[in-house]
Amino acid sequence: MSIKKSLWIFIIAAPLFALLLVSLQFYYVLEVWQYDGPDTSFKVKSGEAFSSINSRLYKNKYIKSAKVFYRYSKYTDILTSFKAGNHLIASGSTMRDVIATLQTGGMDLVSVTIPEGKNIYQIADILEAKKVVTKNKFLKYVKSEKSLSRHKIKGQTLEGYLYPDTYYFSKYSP
């Protein structure tokens, strides 16, 4: 085999081999590697920048590579598609699973049942115990003129308008 022919084979084969290695790394990071910690809640703040989300995911070891996460998100045009709120990142999640969780919700919701006959103070205790809102913040809301006018209620509080039912909230909802 001539040197010229060997050189051409090398010029073609080397970039193809490099491309194969990069592709395998992307595949491993996106599809094979898994978060091995416990199920955990990850909060995306309203208006939070992608770089901040990416950095926190990598720092907490929920993803294998911040670079791959960024490049994949940019390539698939999902840099701004993550939903604000608490998300449950399950043990064994791949990077694609984490992306899907942050995009579609996967919200870490708290179930709260308001029994019949409870007053606003008892409801405030229930909500605070479930870490939905602090008691003071809830009581301030149900007594505020702004809340009453927003709900078109003529009275001094929202008491009597809080129906017994099961509701779902994010922890410490705004």
N, C-alpha and C. Protein backbone atom coordinates (compact mmCIF):
# COMPACT_ATOMS: atom_id res chain seq x y z
N MET A 1 0.85 -1.17 0.00
CA MET A 1 0.00 0.00 0.00
C MET A 1 0.90 1.24 0.00
N SER A 2 0.57 2.19 -0.81
CA SER A 2 1.41 3.37 -0.93
C SER A 2 1.15 4.33 0.24
N ILE A 3 2.10 5.20 0.46
CA ILE A 3 2.00 6.19 1.54
C ILE A 3 0.84 7.15 1.26
N LYS A 4 0.68 7.49 -0.01
CA LYS A 4 -0.40 8.40 -0.38
C LYS A 4 -1.77 7.80 -0.05
N LYS A 5 -1.94 6.51 -0.36
CA LYS A 5 -3.21 5.83 -0.08
C LYS A 5 -3.44 5.73 1.44
N SER A 6 -2.41 5.42 2.19
CA SER A 6 -2.50 5.32 3.65
C SER A 6 -2.86 6.67 4.27
N LEU A 7 -2.29 7.73 3.70
CA LEU A 7 -2.58 9.07 4.19
C LEU A 7 -4.05 9.42 3.97
N TRP A 8 -4.58 9.10 2.81
CA TRP A 8 -5.99 9.36 2.52
C TRP A 8 -6.91 8.55 3.43
N ILE A 9 -6.56 7.33 3.68
CA ILE A 9 -7.36 6.50 4.60
C ILE A 9 -7.35 7.11 5.99
N PHE A 10 -6.16 7.58 6.44
CA PHE A 10 -6.06 8.22 7.75
C PHE A 10 -6.86 9.51 7.80
N ILE A 11 -6.78 10.32 6.75
CA ILE A 11 -7.50 11.59 6.71
C ILE A 11 -9.02 11.37 6.78
N ILE A 12 -9.49 10.29 6.21
CA ILE A 12 -10.93 9.99 6.24
C ILE A 12 -11.30 9.25 7.53
N ALA A 13 -10.48 8.29 7.93
CA ALA A 13 -10.82 7.44 9.08
C ALA A 13 -10.72 8.17 10.41
N ALA A 14 -9.72 9.01 10.59
CA ALA A 14 -9.52 9.68 11.88
C ALA A 14 -10.72 10.55 12.27
N PRO A 15 -11.22 11.44 11.38
CA PRO A 15 -12.41 12.22 11.76
C PRO A 15 -13.64 11.36 11.99
N LEU A 16 -13.79 10.29 11.20
CA LEU A 16 -14.94 9.40 11.41
C LEU A 16 -14.85 8.71 12.77
N PHE A 17 -13.64 8.29 13.14
CA PHE A 17 -13.44 7.65 14.43
C PHE A 17 -13.71 8.64 15.57
N ALA A 18 -13.24 9.87 15.42
CA ALA A 18 -13.49 10.92 16.42
C ALA A 18 -14.98 11.19 16.55
N LEU A 19 -15.68 11.27 15.42
CA LEU A 19 -17.12 11.48 15.43
C LEU A 19 -17.84 10.32 16.13
N LEU A 20 -17.37 9.11 15.89
CA LEU A 20 -17.94 7.94 16.56
C LEU A 20 -17.75 8.03 18.07
N LEU A 21 -16.56 8.44 18.51
CA LEU A 21 -16.30 8.56 19.95
C LEU A 21 -17.17 9.64 20.60
N VAL A 22 -17.32 10.78 19.95
CA VAL A 22 -18.17 11.87 20.47
C VAL A 22 -19.62 11.39 20.54
N SER A 23 -20.07 10.70 19.51
CA SER A 23 -21.45 10.19 19.49
C SER A 23 -21.68 9.20 20.63
N LEU A 24 -20.70 8.32 20.85
CA LEU A 24 -20.82 7.36 21.95
C LEU A 24 -20.86 8.06 23.30
N GLN A 25 -20.06 9.11 23.46
CA GLN A 25 -20.08 9.86 24.72
C GLN A 25 -21.45 10.49 24.93
N PHE A 26 -22.00 11.14 23.91
CA PHE A 26 -23.33 11.74 24.03
C PHE A 26 -24.37 10.68 24.37
N TYR A 27 -24.31 9.54 23.69
CA TYR A 27 -25.27 8.47 23.96
C TYR A 27 -25.15 8.00 25.41
N TYR A 28 -23.91 7.77 25.88
CA TYR A 28 -23.72 7.32 27.24
C TYR A 28 -24.29 8.32 28.24
N VAL A 29 -23.95 9.60 28.07
CA VAL A 29 -24.37 10.63 29.02
C VAL A 29 -25.89 10.82 29.00
N LEU A 30 -26.51 10.77 27.83
CA LEU A 30 -27.96 11.00 27.71
C LEU A 30 -28.80 9.78 28.07
N GLU A 31 -28.34 8.61 27.66
CA GLU A 31 -29.19 7.41 27.74
C GLU A 31 -28.77 6.34 28.74
N VAL A 32 -27.49 6.25 29.05
CA VAL A 32 -27.01 5.15 29.88
C VAL A 32 -26.77 5.58 31.32
N TRP A 33 -26.00 6.66 31.51
CA TRP A 33 -25.69 7.12 32.85
C TRP A 33 -27.00 7.45 33.59
N GLN A 34 -27.05 7.10 34.89
CA GLN A 34 -28.26 7.34 35.68
C GLN A 34 -27.90 8.03 37.00
N TYR A 35 -28.79 8.92 37.41
CA TYR A 35 -28.68 9.54 38.73
C TYR A 35 -28.89 8.44 39.76
N ASP A 36 -27.94 8.27 40.68
CA ASP A 36 -28.04 7.16 41.63
C ASP A 36 -28.35 7.58 43.06
N GLY A 37 -28.72 8.84 43.26
CA GLY A 37 -29.09 9.30 44.59
C GLY A 37 -30.55 8.97 44.90
N PRO A 38 -31.02 9.42 46.03
CA PRO A 38 -32.43 9.19 46.40
C PRO A 38 -33.37 10.08 45.58
N ASP A 39 -34.63 9.70 45.50
CA ASP A 39 -35.63 10.58 44.88
C ASP A 39 -35.54 11.92 45.59
N THR A 40 -35.53 12.99 44.82
CA THR A 40 -35.34 14.31 45.42
C THR A 40 -36.12 15.37 44.67
N SER A 41 -36.41 16.43 45.35
CA SER A 41 -37.14 17.55 44.77
C SER A 41 -36.14 18.58 44.25
N PHE A 42 -36.39 19.07 43.04
CA PHE A 42 -35.53 20.10 42.42
C PHE A 42 -36.43 21.26 42.04
N LYS A 43 -36.12 22.44 42.54
CA LYS A 43 -36.96 23.61 42.29
C LYS A 43 -36.39 24.46 41.17
N VAL A 44 -37.23 24.72 40.15
CA VAL A 44 -36.90 25.68 39.11
C VAL A 44 -37.66 26.95 39.47
N LYS A 45 -36.91 28.01 39.68
CA LYS A 45 -37.53 29.28 40.07
C LYS A 45 -38.13 29.96 38.83
N SER A 46 -39.19 30.69 39.02
CA SER A 46 -39.82 31.42 37.93
C SER A 46 -38.83 32.41 37.33
N GLY A 47 -38.62 32.34 36.02
CA GLY A 47 -37.71 33.23 35.34
C GLY A 47 -36.24 32.86 35.48
N GLU A 48 -35.94 31.72 36.07
CA GLU A 48 -34.55 31.31 36.27
C GLU A 48 -33.88 31.02 34.93
N ALA A 49 -32.66 31.46 34.77
CA ALA A 49 -31.90 31.27 33.54
C ALA A 49 -31.47 29.81 33.38
N PHE A 50 -31.36 29.38 32.13
CA PHE A 50 -30.93 28.02 31.84
C PHE A 50 -29.58 27.72 32.48
N SER A 51 -28.65 28.67 32.40
CA SER A 51 -27.30 28.43 32.93
C SER A 51 -27.34 28.12 34.43
N SER A 52 -28.23 28.77 35.16
CA SER A 52 -28.37 28.52 36.59
C SER A 52 -28.94 27.12 36.84
N ILE A 53 -29.97 26.76 36.08
CA ILE A 53 -30.57 25.42 36.22
C ILE A 53 -29.52 24.36 35.91
N ASN A 54 -28.82 24.53 34.79
CA ASN A 54 -27.79 23.59 34.36
C ASN A 54 -26.71 23.44 35.42
N SER A 55 -26.25 24.55 35.96
CA SER A 55 -25.20 24.54 36.97
C SER A 55 -25.65 23.80 38.23
N ARG A 56 -26.86 24.08 38.69
CA ARG A 56 -27.36 23.42 39.91
C ARG A 56 -27.58 21.92 39.69
N LEU A 57 -28.08 21.54 38.50
CA LEU A 57 -28.27 20.12 38.20
C LEU A 57 -26.93 19.38 38.25
N TYR A 58 -25.91 19.99 37.64
CA TYR A 58 -24.60 19.35 37.59
C TYR A 58 -23.95 19.32 38.98
N LYS A 59 -24.04 20.43 39.70
CA LYS A 59 -23.44 20.53 41.03
C LYS A 59 -24.02 19.47 41.98
N ASN A 60 -25.32 19.22 41.86
CA ASN A 60 -25.99 18.24 42.73
C ASN A 60 -25.95 16.82 42.17
N LYS A 61 -25.24 16.65 41.04
CA LYS A 61 -25.03 15.33 40.42
C LYS A 61 -26.32 14.69 39.91
N TYR A 62 -27.28 15.53 39.48
CA TYR A 62 -28.50 15.01 38.86
C TYR A 62 -28.27 14.73 37.38
N ILE A 63 -27.21 15.34 36.82
CA ILE A 63 -26.82 15.09 35.43
C ILE A 63 -25.32 14.79 35.41
N LYS A 64 -24.87 14.09 34.37
CA LYS A 64 -23.47 13.68 34.26
C LYS A 64 -22.58 14.80 33.72
N SER A 65 -23.09 15.58 32.77
CA SER A 65 -22.27 16.59 32.12
C SER A 65 -23.07 17.86 31.83
N ALA A 66 -22.60 18.97 32.33
CA ALA A 66 -23.25 20.26 32.07
C ALA A 66 -23.09 20.65 30.61
N LYS A 67 -21.94 20.33 30.01
CA LYS A 67 -21.71 20.66 28.59
C LYS A 67 -22.66 19.89 27.68
N VAL A 68 -22.79 18.61 27.91
CA VAL A 68 -23.68 17.80 27.08
C VAL A 68 -25.13 18.25 27.30
N PHE A 69 -25.49 18.53 28.54
CA PHE A 69 -26.84 19.00 28.84
C PHE A 69 -27.14 20.29 28.07
N TYR A 70 -26.18 21.22 28.09
CA TYR A 70 -26.35 22.49 27.37
C TYR A 70 -26.44 22.25 25.86
N ARG A 71 -25.51 21.49 25.32
CA ARG A 71 -25.49 21.28 23.86
C ARG A 71 -26.73 20.56 23.38
N TYR A 72 -27.16 19.55 24.13
CA TYR A 72 -28.37 18.82 23.74
C TYR A 72 -29.59 19.74 23.82
N SER A 73 -29.68 20.52 24.88
CA SER A 73 -30.80 21.44 25.05
C SER A 73 -30.82 22.50 23.95
N LYS A 74 -29.66 22.99 23.58
CA LYS A 74 -29.58 23.99 22.51
C LYS A 74 -29.93 23.36 21.16
N TYR A 75 -29.40 22.18 20.90
CA TYR A 75 -29.65 21.49 19.63
C TYR A 75 -31.13 21.17 19.45
N THR A 76 -31.80 20.77 20.54
CA THR A 76 -33.21 20.42 20.47
C THR A 76 -34.13 21.61 20.75
N ASP A 77 -33.54 22.79 20.92
CA ASP A 77 -34.27 24.04 21.11
C ASP A 77 -35.21 24.02 22.32
N ILE A 78 -34.66 23.55 23.45
CA ILE A 78 -35.47 23.47 24.67
C ILE A 78 -34.88 24.31 25.81
N LEU A 79 -33.99 25.23 25.47
CA LEU A 79 -33.33 26.03 26.51
C LEU A 79 -34.31 26.80 27.39
N THR A 80 -35.46 27.17 26.86
CA THR A 80 -36.42 27.97 27.63
C THR A 80 -37.71 27.21 27.92
N SER A 81 -37.66 25.89 27.84
CA SER A 81 -38.91 25.13 27.98
C SER A 81 -39.11 24.47 29.34
N PHE A 82 -38.23 24.77 30.31
CA PHE A 82 -38.39 24.15 31.63
C PHE A 82 -39.43 24.91 32.44
N LYS A 83 -40.29 24.18 33.11
CA LYS A 83 -41.38 24.78 33.87
C LYS A 83 -40.93 25.09 35.29
N ALA A 84 -41.36 26.25 35.77
CA ALA A 84 -41.06 26.66 37.14
C ALA A 84 -41.84 25.78 38.11
N GLY A 85 -41.25 25.53 39.26
CA GLY A 85 -41.91 24.75 40.31
C GLY A 85 -41.01 23.66 40.83
N ASN A 86 -41.55 22.85 41.71
CA ASN A 86 -40.82 21.72 42.29
C ASN A 86 -41.02 20.50 41.41
N HIS A 87 -39.91 19.85 41.09
CA HIS A 87 -39.94 18.67 40.23
C HIS A 87 -39.31 17.50 40.98
N LEU A 88 -39.87 16.33 40.80
CA LEU A 88 -39.34 15.14 41.45
C LEU A 88 -38.35 14.47 40.51
N ILE A 89 -37.09 14.44 40.91
CA ILE A 89 -36.07 13.73 40.14
C ILE A 89 -35.89 12.37 40.81
N ALA A 90 -36.30 11.34 40.10
CA ALA A 90 -36.31 9.99 40.65
C ALA A 90 -34.94 9.35 40.54
N SER A 91 -34.63 8.52 41.50
CA SER A 91 -33.41 7.73 41.44
C SER A 91 -33.46 6.87 40.18
N GLY A 92 -32.33 6.77 39.49
CA GLY A 92 -32.29 5.99 38.25
C GLY A 92 -32.64 6.79 37.01
N SER A 93 -32.87 8.09 37.16
CA SER A 93 -33.21 8.93 36.01
C SER A 93 -31.99 9.13 35.12
N THR A 94 -32.21 9.00 33.80
CA THR A 94 -31.18 9.37 32.85
C THR A 94 -31.26 10.87 32.62
N MET A 95 -30.30 11.42 31.89
CA MET A 95 -30.35 12.86 31.62
C MET A 95 -31.60 13.21 30.81
N ARG A 96 -31.98 12.34 29.88
CA ARG A 96 -33.22 12.60 29.13
C ARG A 96 -34.44 12.58 30.04
N ASP A 97 -34.44 11.69 31.04
CA ASP A 97 -35.55 11.66 32.00
C ASP A 97 -35.62 12.96 32.78
N VAL A 98 -34.47 13.49 33.18
CA VAL A 98 -34.43 14.76 33.91
C VAL A 98 -34.97 15.88 33.04
N ILE A 99 -34.56 15.90 31.78
CA ILE A 99 -35.05 16.92 30.84
C ILE A 99 -36.57 16.82 30.71
N ALA A 100 -37.08 15.61 30.51
CA ALA A 100 -38.52 15.42 30.37
C ALA A 100 -39.26 15.86 31.63
N THR A 101 -38.71 15.55 32.78
CA THR A 101 -39.33 15.94 34.05
C THR A 101 -39.42 17.46 34.16
N LEU A 102 -38.36 18.15 33.81
CA LEU A 102 -38.34 19.60 33.91
C LEU A 102 -39.23 20.27 32.86
N GLN A 103 -39.47 19.59 31.74
CA GLN A 103 -40.31 20.15 30.69
C GLN A 103 -41.80 19.89 30.91
N THR A 104 -42.14 18.70 31.30
CA THR A 104 -43.54 18.31 31.34
C THR A 104 -44.16 18.46 32.71
N GLY A 105 -43.40 18.80 33.66
CA GLY A 105 -43.96 18.94 35.00
C GLY A 105 -43.28 17.97 35.92
N GLY A 106 -43.88 16.78 36.10
CA GLY A 106 -43.32 15.87 37.07
C GLY A 106 -43.24 16.53 38.42
N MET A 107 -44.20 17.38 38.65
CA MET A 107 -44.16 18.21 39.84
C MET A 107 -44.24 17.36 41.10
N ASP A 108 -43.50 17.79 42.06
CA ASP A 108 -43.49 17.18 43.38
C ASP A 108 -44.64 17.81 44.15
N LEU A 109 -45.85 17.26 43.99
CA LEU A 109 -47.04 17.88 44.56
C LEU A 109 -47.38 17.30 45.92
N VAL A 110 -47.97 18.15 46.73
CA VAL A 110 -48.42 17.76 48.07
C VAL A 110 -49.94 17.69 48.03
N SER A 111 -50.48 16.58 48.50
CA SER A 111 -51.93 16.42 48.58
C SER A 111 -52.41 16.95 49.92
N VAL A 112 -53.41 17.85 49.87
CA VAL A 112 -53.94 18.44 51.10
C VAL A 112 -55.46 18.28 51.08
N THR A 113 -55.98 17.63 52.11
CA THR A 113 -57.43 17.48 52.23
C THR A 113 -57.93 18.46 53.28
N ILE A 114 -58.88 19.29 52.86
CA ILE A 114 -59.52 20.23 53.77
C ILE A 114 -60.85 19.60 54.18
N PRO A 115 -60.95 19.15 55.44
CA PRO A 115 -62.19 18.52 55.90
C PRO A 115 -63.32 19.55 56.07
N GLU A 116 -64.51 19.08 56.02
CA GLU A 116 -65.69 19.93 56.20
C GLU A 116 -65.71 20.49 57.61
N GLY A 117 -66.11 21.75 57.73
CA GLY A 117 -66.29 22.36 59.04
C GLY A 117 -65.05 23.03 59.61
N LYS A 118 -63.93 23.04 58.90
CA LYS A 118 -62.72 23.67 59.43
C LYS A 118 -62.77 25.17 59.18
N ASN A 119 -62.30 25.94 60.17
CA ASN A 119 -62.25 27.40 59.99
C ASN A 119 -60.89 27.78 59.38
N ILE A 120 -60.73 29.07 59.09
CA ILE A 120 -59.51 29.49 58.41
C ILE A 120 -58.24 29.24 59.24
N TYR A 121 -58.35 29.26 60.55
CA TYR A 121 -57.19 29.03 61.40
C TYR A 121 -56.78 27.56 61.37
N GLN A 122 -57.77 26.68 61.36
CA GLN A 122 -57.49 25.25 61.28
C GLN A 122 -56.95 24.89 59.89
N ILE A 123 -57.50 25.53 58.85
CA ILE A 123 -57.00 25.30 57.48
C ILE A 123 -55.56 25.81 57.38
N ALA A 124 -55.27 26.95 57.98
CA ALA A 124 -53.91 27.49 57.99
C ALA A 124 -52.94 26.50 58.64
N ASP A 125 -53.37 25.88 59.74
CA ASP A 125 -52.53 24.88 60.41
C ASP A 125 -52.26 23.68 59.50
N ILE A 126 -53.30 23.23 58.80
CA ILE A 126 -53.16 22.09 57.88
C ILE A 126 -52.18 22.43 56.77
N LEU A 127 -52.34 23.60 56.16
CA LEU A 127 -51.48 24.00 55.05
C LEU A 127 -50.03 24.19 55.49
N GLU A 128 -49.84 24.74 56.68
CA GLU A 128 -48.48 24.91 57.19
C GLU A 128 -47.84 23.56 57.50
N ALA A 129 -48.61 22.64 58.07
CA ALA A 129 -48.08 21.31 58.39
C ALA A 129 -47.65 20.56 57.13
N LYS A 130 -48.34 20.80 56.02
CA LYS A 130 -48.00 20.16 54.74
C LYS A 130 -46.96 20.96 53.96
N LYS A 131 -46.48 22.06 54.54
CA LYS A 131 -45.46 22.92 53.93
C LYS A 131 -45.91 23.53 52.60
N VAL A 132 -47.18 23.91 52.55
CA VAL A 132 -47.70 24.59 51.35
C VAL A 132 -47.49 26.08 51.49
N VAL A 133 -47.81 26.62 52.65
CA VAL A 133 -47.68 28.05 52.92
C VAL A 133 -47.60 28.22 54.43
N THR A 134 -46.97 29.30 54.87
CA THR A 134 -46.91 29.54 56.31
C THR A 134 -48.30 29.99 56.79
N LYS A 135 -48.56 29.75 58.05
CA LYS A 135 -49.86 30.11 58.64
C LYS A 135 -50.11 31.61 58.51
N ASN A 136 -49.10 32.41 58.84
CA ASN A 136 -49.27 33.87 58.78
C ASN A 136 -49.56 34.36 57.37
N LYS A 137 -48.86 33.81 56.39
CA LYS A 137 -49.05 34.24 55.00
C LYS A 137 -50.47 33.87 54.53
N PHE A 138 -50.94 32.68 54.90
CA PHE A 138 -52.28 32.25 54.51
C PHE A 138 -53.34 33.15 55.16
N LEU A 139 -53.21 33.38 56.47
CA LEU A 139 -54.20 34.21 57.17
C LEU A 139 -54.21 35.64 56.63
N LYS A 140 -53.04 36.15 56.31
CA LYS A 140 -52.96 37.49 55.72
C LYS A 140 -53.71 37.52 54.39
N TYR A 141 -53.55 36.49 53.59
CA TYR A 141 -54.21 36.42 52.29
C TYR A 141 -55.73 36.36 52.42
N VAL A 142 -56.23 35.45 53.27
CA VAL A 142 -57.69 35.27 53.37
C VAL A 142 -58.39 36.45 54.01
N LYS A 143 -57.62 37.34 54.64
CA LYS A 143 -58.22 38.51 55.27
C LYS A 143 -57.98 39.80 54.49
N SER A 144 -57.18 39.76 53.45
CA SER A 144 -56.81 40.99 52.74
C SER A 144 -57.94 41.48 51.83
N GLU A 145 -58.06 42.78 51.75
CA GLU A 145 -59.07 43.40 50.89
C GLU A 145 -58.82 43.05 49.43
N LYS A 146 -57.57 42.96 49.06
CA LYS A 146 -57.21 42.62 47.68
C LYS A 146 -57.74 41.22 47.31
N SER A 147 -57.59 40.25 48.21
CA SER A 147 -58.09 38.90 47.98
C SER A 147 -59.62 38.89 47.88
N LEU A 148 -60.25 39.61 48.79
CA LEU A 148 -61.71 39.66 48.80
C LEU A 148 -62.24 40.27 47.50
N SER A 149 -61.62 41.35 47.04
CA SER A 149 -62.10 41.96 45.80
C SER A 149 -61.77 41.10 44.60
N ARG A 150 -60.63 40.43 44.61
CA ARG A 150 -60.27 39.54 43.50
C ARG A 150 -61.30 38.43 43.32
N HIS A 151 -61.80 37.91 44.43
CA HIS A 151 -62.78 36.82 44.38
C HIS A 151 -64.22 37.32 44.47
N LYS A 152 -64.37 38.65 44.44
CA LYS A 152 -65.69 39.30 44.47
C LYS A 152 -66.52 38.83 45.66
N ILE A 153 -65.90 38.88 46.83
CA ILE A 153 -66.57 38.45 48.06
C ILE A 153 -66.79 39.67 48.94
N LYS A 154 -68.03 39.80 49.39
CA LYS A 154 -68.37 40.88 50.31
C LYS A 154 -68.39 40.29 51.71
N GLY A 155 -67.38 40.58 52.44
CA GLY A 155 -67.25 40.05 53.79
C GLY A 155 -65.88 40.46 54.30
N GLN A 156 -65.52 39.91 55.46
CA GLN A 156 -64.24 40.30 56.05
C GLN A 156 -63.13 39.28 55.81
N THR A 157 -63.51 38.04 55.47
CA THR A 157 -62.50 37.01 55.17
C THR A 157 -63.06 36.08 54.09
N LEU A 158 -62.22 35.18 53.65
CA LEU A 158 -62.65 34.16 52.68
C LEU A 158 -63.27 32.94 53.38
N GLU A 159 -63.41 33.02 54.68
CA GLU A 159 -63.99 31.90 55.42
C GLU A 159 -65.39 31.59 54.90
N GLY A 160 -65.64 30.31 54.72
CA GLY A 160 -66.92 29.87 54.17
C GLY A 160 -66.85 29.68 52.66
N TYR A 161 -65.79 30.19 52.04
CA TYR A 161 -65.61 30.03 50.60
C TYR A 161 -64.51 29.01 50.28
N LEU A 162 -63.92 28.46 51.31
CA LEU A 162 -62.88 27.45 51.15
C LEU A 162 -63.55 26.08 51.28
N TYR A 163 -63.83 25.47 50.15
CA TYR A 163 -64.63 24.26 50.12
C TYR A 163 -63.84 23.03 50.57
N PRO A 164 -64.52 22.13 51.30
CA PRO A 164 -63.86 20.89 51.70
C PRO A 164 -63.59 20.05 50.44
N ASP A 165 -62.36 19.66 50.27
CA ASP A 165 -61.96 18.88 49.11
C ASP A 165 -60.49 18.52 49.28
N THR A 166 -59.94 17.74 48.33
CA THR A 166 -58.52 17.46 48.29
C THR A 166 -57.91 18.32 47.21
N TYR A 167 -56.86 19.06 47.57
CA TYR A 167 -56.17 19.96 46.66
C TYR A 167 -54.72 19.52 46.54
N TYR A 168 -54.08 19.90 45.44
CA TYR A 168 -52.69 19.58 45.20
C TYR A 168 -51.89 20.86 45.01
N PHE A 169 -50.80 20.98 45.78
CA PHE A 169 -49.97 22.18 45.76
C PHE A 169 -48.49 21.78 45.63
N SER A 170 -47.68 22.73 45.13
CA SER A 170 -46.23 22.62 45.27
C SER A 170 -45.90 23.05 46.67
N LYS A 171 -44.82 22.52 47.24
CA LYS A 171 -44.41 22.97 48.57
C LYS A 171 -44.07 24.44 48.51
N TYR A 172 -44.52 25.17 49.52
CA TYR A 172 -44.35 26.62 49.63
C TYR A 172 -44.64 27.31 48.32
N SER A 173 -45.86 27.07 47.84
CA SER A 173 -46.34 27.72 46.61
C SER A 173 -46.34 29.23 46.79
N PRO A 174 -46.15 29.98 45.68
CA PRO A 174 -46.19 31.43 45.81
C PRO A 174 -47.59 31.91 46.11
